[in-house]
């Protein structure tokens, strides 16, 4: 647990946003005096293909000593060069590691991906120095985007990574990706609307309603799943493995990394191209190394390998370097992801509080796919489908605007019921006998109760605070832990209920004066309605206040 101040309304000269995507990442910034004039990095170019992008690949290369070497396309190219020369021993290339934080597995992520390896302070410093002459670190307010469906523990890991990289806690704010995307698209919005953020790893769906004062409120809690564009990549690569063999693809990855990455880069272009709307044949470029490995592994000519595969004559090898794939196969790469997303959106639109939604905004890198756009229009033809210019940058640019005015999100819908473990007056209608205790004042109490702060699906306004007063908690003389729980149940009775889950704890420290005071009481305040959960502890007698952070990564 650390005692750090919550980022309050800032007066920084510049807001800089980082959008760490599963597949691609980018940054943007704008100045306080002209917040809508947002600057993005000039085009990154992949050395593997003609892919031009305003984002770079989410790849980090560490040298054999575990030190940062490079990020993005540069990291992939450097590792590929090392691998082809056989000099990559001990070097580590991390790609698409963001999804390690999905499915509530932050502790495993801490083990496999140290926070300080994510974004080195040296790289961050170069960004500021190159982009804004005369701007110091103290002048910058940083914003980092996270999926709305991420667990609080994954969010805390992202914050910890940023702080270990050198970003001051008081100058950092996490923002929810679909929320900030809607901020960027606000000029095209109607009263009630849905934002579908289709990224590389996840699909995030938020439903908002505009207020008359220019702010907006959430009318349905954020939802979604792991249905992003990387699922398409997995099925595409599985098709190649089905044709050429797992051993062939393994050799390509290990011995000719540059050619393997070139296949993915070329496919990324194909995914977004207008060809996907024509539903014709798709030509996949095959590097010479893949042909060579395939013929060595299979012991026959490439054309015969393809013809003898599970796809028979439907997939054709066109010498010297093309694979012709018919639409009915290409379609299968996309449909699992797209079907899951559309099904989820339709289900949400049937909810009572979303039936007035007529506008759907598609954003995110995968939303650039013309096939994805077409499928949405076919499936939801009665809705107004909006695809902003450069949908892959909507989150990034919206994050910059949000950084200048975080209060633009007036209220949110709680995703869980939140509370702490404590003792409440025993009620035989609610509490089991096994939980009955008598405290030192002779009162009959129930132990291990869920002391509720707020309920699932409750609308919480920005900065709304809930308070809980207690005497000094049991534990050591100078500190104790307050356990924080959440539940999908609106009214859990005890923290041992099946729907309850411990998400972390607060460590509360005491002074000698506090310990000696028999009437010593603590007021714990949890502030919701922001993108993160904030906690303040107040000593009621002295009035002393300390900001606390829930430790969600250590459940000891």
Protein backbone atom coordinates (compact mmCIF):
# COMPACT_ATOMS: atom_id res chain seq x y z
CA UNK A 1 0.00 0.00 0.00
CA UNK A 2 1.21 3.46 -0.79
CA UNK A 3 -0.04 6.82 0.36
CA UNK A 4 -0.25 8.89 -2.81
CA UNK A 5 -2.44 11.79 -3.79
CA UNK A 6 -5.22 11.32 -6.28
CA UNK A 7 -4.73 13.32 -9.51
CA UNK A 8 -6.95 16.33 -9.01
CA UNK A 9 -7.99 18.86 -11.67
CA UNK A 10 -4.66 19.87 -13.12
CA UNK A 11 -3.31 23.02 -14.65
CA UNK A 12 -0.64 21.44 -16.83
CA UNK A 13 0.46 23.02 -20.09
CA UNK A 14 0.11 19.82 -22.07
CA UNK A 15 -1.87 16.56 -22.01
CA UNK A 16 -0.10 13.54 -23.49
CA UNK A 17 -2.01 10.31 -24.08
CA UNK A 18 -0.68 6.80 -24.65
CA UNK A 19 -2.90 4.18 -26.25
CA UNK A 20 -1.30 0.79 -25.58
CA UNK A 21 -3.19 -1.57 -27.84
CA UNK A 22 -2.87 -5.31 -28.15
CA UNK A 23 -1.50 -5.02 -31.67
CA UNK A 24 -0.56 -1.36 -32.13
CA UNK A 25 0.28 1.55 -29.84
CA UNK A 26 0.52 5.28 -30.30
CA UNK A 27 0.70 8.61 -28.57
CA UNK A 28 -0.83 12.05 -29.03
CA UNK A 29 -0.83 15.38 -27.22
CA UNK A 30 -2.30 18.87 -27.20
CA UNK A 31 -1.70 22.08 -25.31
CA UNK A 32 -3.96 23.66 -22.71
CA UNK A 33 -4.63 26.76 -24.80
CA UNK A 34 -5.78 24.73 -27.83
CA UNK A 35 -6.91 21.30 -26.58
CA UNK A 36 -8.61 20.18 -29.81
CA UNK A 37 -5.47 20.74 -31.90
CA UNK A 38 -4.19 17.24 -31.28
CA UNK A 39 -0.76 16.19 -32.53
CA UNK A 40 0.01 12.56 -33.35
CA UNK A 41 3.27 10.98 -34.33
CA UNK A 42 4.17 11.08 -38.01
CA UNK A 43 3.63 7.77 -39.78
CA UNK A 44 5.54 4.78 -38.54
CA UNK A 45 6.53 2.43 -41.34
CA UNK A 46 6.96 -1.30 -40.93
CA UNK A 47 10.14 -2.56 -42.51
CA UNK A 48 8.39 -5.82 -43.35
CA UNK A 49 5.83 -4.44 -45.78
CA UNK A 50 4.28 -1.28 -47.14
CA UNK A 51 2.18 -0.91 -43.99
CA UNK A 52 2.04 2.77 -42.99
CA UNK A 53 0.45 3.57 -39.65
CA UNK A 54 -0.03 6.37 -37.16
CA UNK A 55 0.65 3.70 -34.54
CA UNK A 56 3.51 1.29 -34.17
CA UNK A 57 3.52 -2.37 -33.22
CA UNK A 58 3.07 -3.15 -29.51
CA UNK A 59 6.40 -4.91 -29.21
CA UNK A 60 9.18 -4.49 -26.65
CA UNK A 61 12.70 -5.84 -27.13
CA UNK A 62 14.94 -6.51 -24.15
CA UNK A 63 18.62 -7.33 -24.57
CA UNK A 64 20.36 -10.32 -23.01
CA UNK A 65 20.87 -8.32 -19.79
CA UNK A 66 17.13 -7.71 -19.51
CA UNK A 67 17.49 -4.03 -20.40
CA UNK A 68 15.21 -2.11 -22.74
CA UNK A 69 16.49 -1.95 -26.31
CA UNK A 70 13.63 -0.76 -28.54
CA UNK A 71 9.88 -0.54 -29.00
CA UNK A 72 7.47 -1.02 -31.90
CA UNK A 73 8.42 -1.83 -35.47
CA UNK A 74 12.01 -1.02 -34.54
CA UNK A 75 11.99 -3.76 -31.90
CA UNK A 76 10.59 -6.37 -34.28
CA UNK A 77 13.08 -5.53 -37.01
CA UNK A 78 16.03 -5.55 -34.60
CA UNK A 79 15.04 -8.95 -33.21
CA UNK A 80 14.48 -10.37 -36.69
CA UNK A 81 17.96 -9.24 -37.74
CA UNK A 82 19.48 -10.83 -34.64
CA UNK A 83 17.57 -14.07 -35.19
CA UNK A 84 18.64 -14.40 -38.82
CA UNK A 85 22.27 -14.00 -37.76
CA UNK A 86 21.82 -16.44 -34.89
CA UNK A 87 22.68 -13.75 -32.34
CA UNK A 88 19.33 -13.51 -30.55
CA UNK A 89 20.21 -15.84 -27.67
CA UNK A 90 19.05 -14.31 -24.38
CA UNK A 91 17.20 -11.46 -26.09
CA UNK A 92 13.45 -11.30 -25.47
CA UNK A 93 10.79 -9.89 -27.77
CA UNK A 94 7.40 -9.29 -26.14
CA UNK A 95 4.51 -8.94 -28.62
CA UNK A 96 0.80 -8.52 -27.95
CA UNK A 97 1.35 -8.83 -24.21
CA UNK A 98 -1.57 -6.60 -23.25
CA UNK A 99 -3.98 -9.54 -23.20
CA UNK A 100 -1.96 -11.06 -20.35
CA UNK A 101 -3.86 -8.61 -18.17
CA UNK A 102 -7.27 -9.83 -19.31
CA UNK A 103 -9.24 -12.54 -17.50
CA UNK A 104 -8.21 -11.18 -14.10
CA UNK A 105 -4.70 -12.60 -14.01
CA UNK A 106 -2.56 -9.63 -12.94
CA UNK A 107 -0.39 -11.57 -10.53
CA UNK A 108 0.64 -13.95 -13.30
CA UNK A 109 1.31 -10.92 -15.43
CA UNK A 110 3.56 -9.42 -12.78
CA UNK A 111 5.59 -12.62 -12.81
CA UNK A 112 5.94 -12.80 -16.57
CA UNK A 113 6.06 -9.13 -17.49
CA UNK A 114 7.73 -6.77 -15.04
CA UNK A 115 6.13 -3.35 -14.96
CA UNK A 116 9.41 -1.55 -15.52
CA UNK A 117 9.87 -3.39 -18.83
CA UNK A 118 6.77 -1.81 -20.33
CA UNK A 119 7.67 1.82 -21.02
CA UNK A 120 11.14 3.02 -20.06
CA UNK A 121 11.48 6.55 -18.74
CA UNK A 122 14.23 7.22 -21.27
CA UNK A 123 11.80 6.64 -24.16
CA UNK A 124 9.17 8.80 -22.49
CA UNK A 125 11.68 11.59 -21.99
CA UNK A 126 12.71 11.52 -25.65
CA UNK A 127 9.06 11.95 -26.66
CA UNK A 128 8.70 15.13 -24.62
CA UNK A 129 12.06 16.55 -25.59
CA UNK A 130 11.52 16.05 -29.32
CA UNK A 131 7.91 17.13 -29.48
CA UNK A 132 7.66 20.20 -27.27
CA UNK A 133 10.65 22.43 -26.84
CA UNK A 134 10.49 24.29 -23.53
CA UNK A 135 8.05 21.84 -21.89
CA UNK A 136 9.31 20.14 -18.74
CA UNK A 137 8.11 16.92 -17.09
CA UNK A 138 6.15 18.94 -14.51
CA UNK A 139 4.16 20.60 -17.33
CA UNK A 140 2.74 17.33 -18.66
CA UNK A 141 -0.41 15.49 -17.56
CA UNK A 142 -0.33 11.87 -18.75
CA UNK A 143 -3.33 9.81 -19.81
CA UNK A 144 -3.20 6.06 -20.47
CA UNK A 145 -6.09 4.19 -22.06
CA UNK A 146 -7.40 0.86 -20.73
CA UNK A 147 -10.27 -1.39 -21.87
CA UNK A 148 -13.52 -0.69 -20.04
CA UNK A 149 -13.96 -4.41 -19.30
CA UNK A 150 -10.61 -4.69 -17.55
CA UNK A 151 -10.57 -5.85 -13.96
CA UNK A 152 -9.53 -3.33 -11.28
CA UNK A 153 -6.39 -5.37 -10.71
CA UNK A 154 -5.37 -5.10 -14.35
CA UNK A 155 -5.95 -1.35 -14.16
CA UNK A 156 -3.75 -1.12 -11.07
CA UNK A 157 -1.01 -3.07 -12.81
CA UNK A 158 -1.10 -0.59 -15.70
CA UNK A 159 -0.81 2.32 -13.26
CA UNK A 160 2.04 0.62 -11.43
CA UNK A 161 3.86 0.03 -14.72
CA UNK A 162 3.52 3.69 -15.67
CA UNK A 163 4.70 4.89 -12.27
CA UNK A 164 7.70 2.56 -12.31
CA UNK A 165 8.52 3.97 -15.74
CA UNK A 166 8.85 7.38 -14.09
CA UNK A 167 5.45 9.03 -14.54
CA UNK A 168 4.46 10.80 -11.28
CA UNK A 169 1.26 9.40 -9.77
CA UNK A 170 -0.29 12.85 -9.40
CA UNK A 171 0.26 13.53 -13.13
CA UNK A 172 -1.31 10.30 -14.37
CA UNK A 173 -4.86 9.26 -15.13
CA UNK A 174 -6.25 6.04 -16.58
CA UNK A 175 -9.18 6.40 -18.97
CA UNK A 176 -11.67 3.92 -20.40
CA UNK A 177 -11.27 3.38 -24.13
CA UNK A 178 -14.91 3.49 -25.35
CA UNK A 179 -15.65 6.50 -23.13
CA UNK A 180 -12.90 8.64 -24.59
CA UNK A 181 -13.75 7.46 -28.12
CA UNK A 182 -17.24 8.93 -27.68
CA UNK A 183 -15.68 12.19 -26.51
CA UNK A 184 -13.78 12.43 -29.78
CA UNK A 185 -16.93 11.67 -31.80
CA UNK A 186 -19.25 13.92 -29.77
CA UNK A 187 -20.10 16.16 -32.75
CA UNK A 188 -21.80 13.22 -34.49
CA UNK A 189 -23.75 11.91 -31.50
CA UNK A 190 -27.44 11.78 -30.75
CA UNK A 191 -29.06 11.84 -27.31
CA UNK A 192 -28.42 8.15 -26.58
CA UNK A 193 -25.74 6.15 -28.36
CA UNK A 194 -23.55 3.08 -28.19
CA UNK A 195 -19.79 2.99 -28.69
CA UNK A 196 -18.34 -0.30 -29.94
CA UNK A 197 -14.56 -0.22 -29.61
CA UNK A 198 -13.21 -3.13 -31.66
CA UNK A 199 -9.51 -3.34 -30.96
CA UNK A 200 -6.84 -5.93 -31.46
CA UNK A 201 -7.51 -7.92 -28.31
CA UNK A 202 -10.82 -6.86 -26.85
CA UNK A 203 -14.20 -5.48 -27.86
CA UNK A 204 -15.48 -2.85 -25.41
CA UNK A 205 -19.07 -1.64 -25.55
CA UNK A 206 -20.34 1.40 -23.67
CA UNK A 207 -23.77 3.05 -23.82
CA UNK A 208 -24.05 6.75 -23.06
CA UNK A 209 -26.55 9.58 -23.02
CA UNK A 210 -25.72 13.22 -23.63
CA UNK A 211 -26.69 15.82 -21.04
CA UNK A 212 -27.82 19.33 -21.89
CA UNK A 213 -24.68 20.83 -20.32
CA UNK A 214 -22.34 18.99 -22.72
CA UNK A 215 -21.38 16.19 -20.34
CA UNK A 216 -22.60 12.62 -20.75
CA UNK A 217 -23.59 9.78 -18.50
CA UNK A 218 -23.28 6.03 -18.77
CA UNK A 219 -26.67 4.31 -19.00
CA UNK A 220 -25.41 0.72 -19.12
CA UNK A 221 -22.30 -0.69 -17.53
CA UNK A 222 -19.40 -1.37 -19.90
CA UNK A 223 -19.24 -4.87 -21.33
CA UNK A 224 -17.52 -6.87 -24.04
CA UNK A 225 -15.09 -9.72 -24.54
CA UNK A 226 -11.86 -10.96 -26.11
CA UNK A 227 -13.18 -10.82 -29.67
CA UNK A 228 -10.74 -8.40 -31.30
CA UNK A 229 -8.72 -8.56 -34.49
CA UNK A 230 -6.04 -10.85 -33.06
CA UNK A 231 -8.62 -13.66 -33.12
CA UNK A 232 -8.70 -13.23 -36.90
CA UNK A 233 -4.91 -13.44 -37.01
CA UNK A 234 -4.94 -16.66 -35.00
CA UNK A 235 -7.37 -18.35 -37.39
CA UNK A 236 -5.42 -17.09 -40.41
CA UNK A 237 -2.18 -18.54 -39.03
CA UNK A 238 -3.94 -21.79 -38.16
CA UNK A 239 -5.03 -22.08 -41.79
CA UNK A 240 -1.40 -21.69 -42.88
CA UNK A 241 -0.39 -24.36 -40.37
CA UNK A 242 -3.14 -26.65 -41.67
CA UNK A 243 -1.76 -26.25 -45.21
CA UNK A 244 2.01 -26.16 -44.68
CA UNK A 245 2.28 -28.01 -41.37
CA UNK A 246 3.00 -26.94 -37.79
CA UNK A 247 6.69 -27.83 -38.15
CA UNK A 248 7.03 -25.59 -41.21
CA UNK A 249 5.47 -22.61 -39.44
CA UNK A 250 7.59 -23.26 -36.35
CA UNK A 251 10.76 -23.14 -38.41
CA UNK A 252 9.61 -19.95 -40.11
CA UNK A 253 9.05 -18.22 -36.74
CA UNK A 254 12.33 -19.42 -35.27
CA UNK A 255 14.68 -19.17 -38.25
CA UNK A 256 13.17 -16.41 -40.40
CA UNK A 257 11.36 -14.12 -37.99
CA UNK A 258 11.43 -11.24 -40.46
CA UNK A 259 9.52 -13.27 -43.05
CA UNK A 260 7.01 -14.42 -40.43
CA UNK A 261 6.34 -10.83 -39.37
CA UNK A 262 6.09 -9.80 -43.01
CA UNK A 263 3.22 -12.28 -43.49
CA UNK A 264 1.37 -10.74 -40.55
CA UNK A 265 2.01 -7.18 -41.76
CA UNK A 266 0.77 -8.05 -45.25
CA UNK A 267 -2.32 -9.68 -43.78
CA UNK A 268 -2.98 -6.58 -41.67
CA UNK A 269 -3.25 -4.59 -44.90
CA UNK A 270 -5.57 -7.23 -46.37
CA UNK A 271 -7.83 -7.10 -43.30
CA UNK A 272 -8.52 -3.40 -43.83
CA UNK A 273 -8.67 -3.37 -47.62
CA UNK A 274 -11.75 -2.91 -49.80
CA UNK A 275 -11.12 -6.41 -51.19
CA UNK A 276 -12.77 -7.78 -48.08
CA UNK A 277 -16.02 -6.20 -49.24
CA UNK A 278 -15.91 -7.76 -52.69
CA UNK A 279 -15.95 -11.27 -51.23
CA UNK A 280 -13.71 -12.54 -53.96
CA UNK A 281 -10.37 -14.31 -53.88
CA UNK A 282 -7.68 -13.16 -51.45
CA UNK A 283 -4.04 -13.42 -52.46
CA UNK A 284 -1.62 -14.14 -49.61
CA UNK A 285 2.05 -13.44 -50.28
CA UNK A 286 4.31 -16.38 -49.42
CA UNK A 287 8.01 -15.71 -48.68
CA UNK A 288 10.64 -17.88 -50.33
CA UNK A 289 11.76 -19.18 -46.94
CA UNK A 290 8.31 -20.63 -46.24
CA UNK A 291 8.34 -22.45 -49.57
CA UNK A 292 11.79 -23.80 -48.80
CA UNK A 293 10.93 -25.00 -45.29
CA UNK A 294 7.65 -26.52 -46.47
CA UNK A 295 9.24 -28.57 -49.24
CA UNK A 296 11.98 -29.77 -46.85
CA UNK A 297 9.50 -30.79 -44.14
CA UNK A 298 6.90 -32.33 -46.47
CA UNK A 299 9.31 -33.80 -49.00
CA UNK A 300 7.33 -32.63 -52.04
CA UNK A 301 6.70 -29.56 -54.17
CA UNK A 302 4.81 -26.62 -52.76
CA UNK A 303 1.93 -26.92 -55.24
CA UNK A 304 1.41 -30.57 -54.24
CA UNK A 305 1.54 -29.75 -50.54
CA UNK A 306 -1.24 -27.20 -50.98
CA UNK A 307 -3.30 -29.50 -53.21
CA UNK A 308 -2.96 -32.40 -50.76
CA UNK A 309 -3.95 -30.29 -47.73
CA UNK A 310 -7.31 -30.42 -45.97
CA UNK A 311 -8.49 -27.64 -48.28
CA UNK A 312 -8.00 -29.71 -51.41
CA UNK A 313 -8.18 -27.66 -54.59
CA UNK A 314 -10.08 -24.75 -53.04
CA UNK A 315 -6.77 -23.12 -52.03
CA UNK A 316 -4.30 -22.78 -54.89
CA UNK A 317 -0.58 -22.08 -54.91
CA UNK A 318 0.33 -19.58 -57.62
CA UNK A 319 4.06 -19.71 -58.26
CA UNK A 320 6.33 -18.19 -57.25
CA UNK A 321 4.96 -16.50 -54.13
CA UNK A 322 1.17 -16.36 -53.89
CA UNK A 323 -1.52 -18.37 -52.16
CA UNK A 324 -5.02 -17.88 -53.57
CA UNK A 325 -7.69 -18.31 -50.90
CA UNK A 326 -11.43 -18.27 -51.71
CA UNK A 327 -13.90 -16.12 -49.80
CA UNK A 328 -15.64 -18.97 -48.00
CA UNK A 329 -12.38 -19.75 -46.16
CA UNK A 330 -11.38 -16.12 -45.57
CA UNK A 331 -14.82 -15.50 -44.11
CA UNK A 332 -14.23 -18.09 -41.38
CA UNK A 333 -11.24 -16.11 -40.11
CA UNK A 334 -13.46 -13.10 -39.40
CA UNK A 335 -16.79 -14.55 -38.46
CA UNK A 336 -16.07 -15.87 -34.97
CA UNK A 337 -14.99 -12.44 -33.79
CA UNK A 338 -17.60 -10.47 -35.74
CA UNK A 339 -20.46 -12.82 -34.84
CA UNK A 340 -19.64 -12.65 -31.13
CA UNK A 341 -19.51 -8.86 -31.26
CA UNK A 342 -22.76 -8.41 -33.19
CA UNK A 343 -24.56 -10.94 -31.00
CA UNK A 344 -23.43 -9.06 -27.91
CA UNK A 345 -24.51 -5.69 -29.33
CA UNK A 346 -27.96 -7.04 -30.26
CA UNK A 347 -28.37 -8.48 -26.78
CA UNK A 348 -27.50 -5.12 -25.21
CA UNK A 349 -29.98 -3.30 -27.44
CA UNK A 350 -32.76 -5.49 -26.02
CA UNK A 351 -32.09 -4.25 -22.48
CA UNK A 352 -34.81 -1.89 -21.14
CA UNK A 353 -32.47 1.07 -20.62
CA UNK A 354 -30.88 0.84 -24.09
CA UNK A 355 -33.94 0.45 -26.31
CA UNK A 356 -33.85 4.12 -27.18
CA UNK A 357 -30.38 3.84 -28.69
CA UNK A 358 -30.45 4.56 -32.42
CA UNK A 359 -26.79 5.38 -33.07
CA UNK A 360 -23.85 2.98 -32.97
CA UNK A 361 -20.30 4.29 -33.31
CA UNK A 362 -17.61 1.86 -34.46
CA UNK A 363 -14.06 2.71 -33.38
CA UNK A 364 -10.79 0.87 -32.87
CA UNK A 365 -8.24 -0.57 -35.26
CA UNK A 366 -10.34 -3.59 -36.26
CA UNK A 367 -13.23 -1.24 -37.07
CA UNK A 368 -11.16 -0.12 -40.08
CA UNK A 369 -11.93 -3.49 -41.68
CA UNK A 370 -14.43 -2.95 -44.46
CA UNK A 371 -15.86 -6.41 -43.85
CA UNK A 372 -16.54 -5.59 -40.19
CA UNK A 373 -18.26 -2.37 -41.24
CA UNK A 374 -20.36 -4.19 -43.82
CA UNK A 375 -21.44 -6.90 -41.37
CA UNK A 376 -22.60 -4.29 -38.86
CA UNK A 377 -24.65 -2.47 -41.47
CA UNK A 378 -26.23 -5.75 -42.59
CA UNK A 379 -27.03 -6.94 -39.06
CA UNK A 380 -28.11 -3.58 -37.62
CA UNK A 381 -29.57 -1.85 -40.63
CA UNK A 382 -32.25 -0.13 -38.56
CA UNK A 383 -29.56 1.73 -36.57
CA UNK A 384 -27.46 4.72 -37.55
CA UNK A 385 -23.94 3.30 -37.91
CA UNK A 386 -21.18 5.92 -37.61
CA UNK A 387 -17.56 5.19 -38.49
CA UNK A 388 -15.39 8.25 -37.82
CA UNK A 389 -12.43 9.17 -39.95
CA UNK A 390 -9.44 7.12 -38.79
CA UNK A 391 -11.42 4.98 -36.31
CA UNK A 392 -8.17 3.52 -34.99
CA UNK A 393 -7.22 6.94 -33.59
CA UNK A 394 -10.57 7.83 -31.99
CA UNK A 395 -9.54 6.43 -28.60
CA UNK A 396 -6.15 8.11 -28.63
CA UNK A 397 -7.45 11.55 -29.63
CA UNK A 398 -10.41 11.29 -27.28
CA UNK A 399 -8.02 10.47 -24.43
CA UNK A 400 -6.22 13.76 -25.01
CA UNK A 401 -9.50 15.73 -24.90
CA UNK A 402 -10.57 13.85 -21.78
CA UNK A 403 -7.29 14.72 -20.08
CA UNK A 404 -8.16 18.40 -20.33
CA UNK A 405 -11.64 17.88 -18.81
CA UNK A 406 -12.13 14.57 -16.89
CA UNK A 407 -15.47 15.73 -15.47
CA UNK A 408 -17.06 15.45 -18.94
CA UNK A 409 -18.24 11.98 -17.84
CA UNK A 410 -20.92 13.07 -15.38
CA UNK A 411 -21.91 9.62 -14.12
CA UNK A 412 -21.23 5.92 -14.54
CA UNK A 413 -23.08 2.68 -13.85
CA UNK A 414 -21.44 0.48 -11.23
CA UNK A 415 -20.18 -2.85 -12.53
CA UNK A 416 -20.22 -4.51 -9.10
CA UNK A 417 -21.50 -4.04 -5.57
CA UNK A 418 -18.55 -2.79 -3.51
CA UNK A 419 -17.98 -3.05 0.23
CA UNK A 420 -15.65 -4.01 3.05
CA UNK A 421 -15.54 -6.81 5.58
CA UNK A 422 -16.86 -5.78 8.97
CA UNK A 423 -19.18 -6.53 11.86
CA UNK A 424 -22.87 -5.55 11.83
CA UNK A 425 -25.67 -5.89 14.35
CA UNK A 426 -26.81 -9.52 14.37
CA UNK A 427 -30.10 -10.12 12.54
CA UNK A 428 -31.44 -13.67 12.92
CA UNK A 429 -33.44 -13.23 9.71
CA UNK A 430 -30.25 -12.62 7.70
CA UNK A 431 -27.28 -13.97 9.62
CA UNK A 432 -26.39 -17.56 10.40
CA UNK A 433 -25.76 -18.52 14.02
CA UNK A 434 -22.17 -19.43 13.22
CA UNK A 435 -21.45 -15.74 12.53
CA UNK A 436 -22.84 -14.52 15.88
CA UNK A 437 -20.36 -12.86 18.23
CA UNK A 438 -20.51 -10.61 21.28
CA UNK A 439 -18.15 -7.64 21.17
CA UNK A 440 -16.33 -6.10 24.11
CA UNK A 441 -19.22 -3.68 24.67
CA UNK A 442 -21.64 -6.57 25.05
CA UNK A 443 -23.41 -6.02 21.73
CA UNK A 444 -24.50 -9.06 19.73
CA UNK A 445 -22.90 -8.75 16.31
CA UNK A 446 -22.47 -10.77 13.12
CA UNK A 447 -18.90 -11.15 11.92
CA UNK A 448 -17.57 -11.29 8.34
CA UNK A 449 -20.42 -9.15 7.06
CA UNK A 450 -20.40 -7.40 3.69
CA UNK A 451 -20.60 -3.70 4.64
CA UNK A 452 -21.91 -2.19 1.43
CA UNK A 453 -20.83 1.11 -0.10
CA UNK A 454 -22.70 0.99 -3.42
CA UNK A 455 -24.69 -1.49 -5.52
CA UNK A 456 -24.27 -3.05 -8.95
CA UNK A 457 -26.12 -1.10 -11.69
CA UNK A 458 -26.36 1.95 -9.42
CA UNK A 459 -25.76 5.27 -11.17
CA UNK A 460 -22.84 7.07 -9.53
CA UNK A 461 -22.07 10.69 -10.29
CA UNK A 462 -18.50 11.83 -10.91
CA UNK A 463 -16.58 12.06 -7.61
CA UNK A 464 -19.42 10.59 -5.52
CA UNK A 465 -18.08 9.48 -2.16
CA UNK A 466 -19.29 6.78 0.26
CA UNK A 467 -18.11 6.71 3.87
CA UNK A 468 -17.69 4.04 6.53
CA UNK A 469 -16.78 4.78 10.15
CA UNK A 470 -15.13 2.21 12.38
CA UNK A 471 -12.96 1.92 15.43
CA UNK A 472 -9.36 0.81 15.11
CA UNK A 473 -9.34 -2.45 13.23
CA UNK A 474 -8.02 -5.68 14.64
CA UNK A 475 -4.45 -6.43 13.73
CA UNK A 476 -1.02 -5.29 14.83
CA UNK A 477 -0.65 -2.33 17.14
CA UNK A 478 0.62 0.03 14.49
CA UNK A 479 -1.24 -1.10 11.38
CA UNK A 480 -4.12 -3.23 10.21
CA UNK A 481 -5.82 -4.21 6.98
CA UNK A 482 -9.25 -3.27 5.69
CA UNK A 483 -10.39 -5.91 3.19
CA UNK A 484 -12.23 -4.69 0.07
CA UNK A 485 -14.81 -6.93 -1.63
CA UNK A 486 -17.08 -6.82 -4.65
CA UNK A 487 -20.07 -8.89 -5.72
CA UNK A 488 -22.45 -9.35 -8.64
CA UNK A 489 -25.21 -9.63 -6.03
CA UNK A 490 -26.90 -6.33 -5.18
CA UNK A 491 -27.22 -7.18 -1.46
CA UNK A 492 -24.63 -9.71 -0.29
CA UNK A 493 -24.89 -10.62 3.40
CA UNK A 494 -21.42 -11.95 4.21
CA UNK A 495 -18.12 -11.79 2.37
CA UNK A 496 -18.12 -15.58 2.17
CA UNK A 497 -21.18 -15.56 -0.11
CA UNK A 498 -20.44 -17.33 -3.38
CA UNK A 499 -20.90 -14.16 -5.44
CA UNK A 500 -18.35 -12.20 -3.36
CA UNK A 501 -14.74 -11.74 -4.31
CA UNK A 502 -11.93 -10.05 -2.41
CA UNK A 503 -10.27 -7.54 -4.73
CA UNK A 504 -7.64 -6.10 -2.40
CA UNK A 505 -6.88 -4.46 0.89
CA UNK A 506 -5.97 -1.16 2.50
CA UNK A 507 -3.17 -1.08 5.04
CA UNK A 508 -3.97 1.51 7.69
CA UNK A 509 -1.19 2.76 9.94
CA UNK A 510 -1.62 4.30 13.38
CA UNK A 511 0.39 6.72 15.48
CA UNK A 512 1.16 6.16 19.16
CA UNK A 513 -1.47 8.79 20.00
CA UNK A 514 -4.10 6.90 18.00
CA UNK A 515 -3.38 3.61 19.76
CA UNK A 516 -3.68 5.14 23.24
CA UNK A 517 -7.07 6.73 22.44
CA UNK A 518 -9.94 4.43 23.51
CA UNK A 519 -12.41 6.50 21.47
CA UNK A 520 -10.24 6.43 18.34
CA UNK A 521 -12.34 6.20 15.15
CA UNK A 522 -11.49 6.09 11.44
CA UNK A 523 -13.62 7.33 8.58
CA UNK A 524 -12.88 5.49 5.33
CA UNK A 525 -14.13 7.20 2.17
CA UNK A 526 -14.38 5.41 -1.18
CA UNK A 527 -14.83 7.69 -4.18
CA UNK A 528 -16.51 6.14 -7.20
CA UNK A 529 -17.69 7.61 -10.47
CA UNK A 530 -14.14 8.03 -11.79
CA UNK A 531 -12.21 5.58 -13.95
CA UNK A 532 -10.37 4.34 -10.86
CA UNK A 533 -11.47 3.66 -7.29
CA UNK A 534 -10.00 6.17 -4.81
CA UNK A 535 -9.81 5.89 -1.04
CA UNK A 536 -9.23 8.42 1.74
CA UNK A 537 -8.70 7.71 5.44
CA UNK A 538 -9.57 10.35 8.03
CA UNK A 539 -8.79 10.27 11.77
CA UNK A 540 -12.03 11.75 13.14
CA UNK A 541 -10.51 13.14 16.35
CA UNK A 542 -7.45 14.81 14.82
CA UNK A 543 -8.94 15.50 11.39
CA UNK A 544 -5.81 14.12 9.73
CA UNK A 545 -6.48 12.79 6.20
CA UNK A 546 -4.36 10.46 4.08
CA UNK A 547 -5.00 9.26 0.53
CA UNK A 548 -4.70 5.51 0.16
CA UNK A 549 -4.48 3.10 -2.76
CA UNK A 550 -6.15 -0.30 -2.62
CA UNK A 551 -3.54 -2.99 -3.08
CA UNK A 552 -5.16 -5.30 -5.65
CA UNK A 553 -1.99 -7.14 -6.69
CA UNK A 554 -1.01 -8.62 -3.33
CA UNK A 555 -3.69 -10.67 -1.63
CA UNK A 556 -1.59 -11.60 1.36
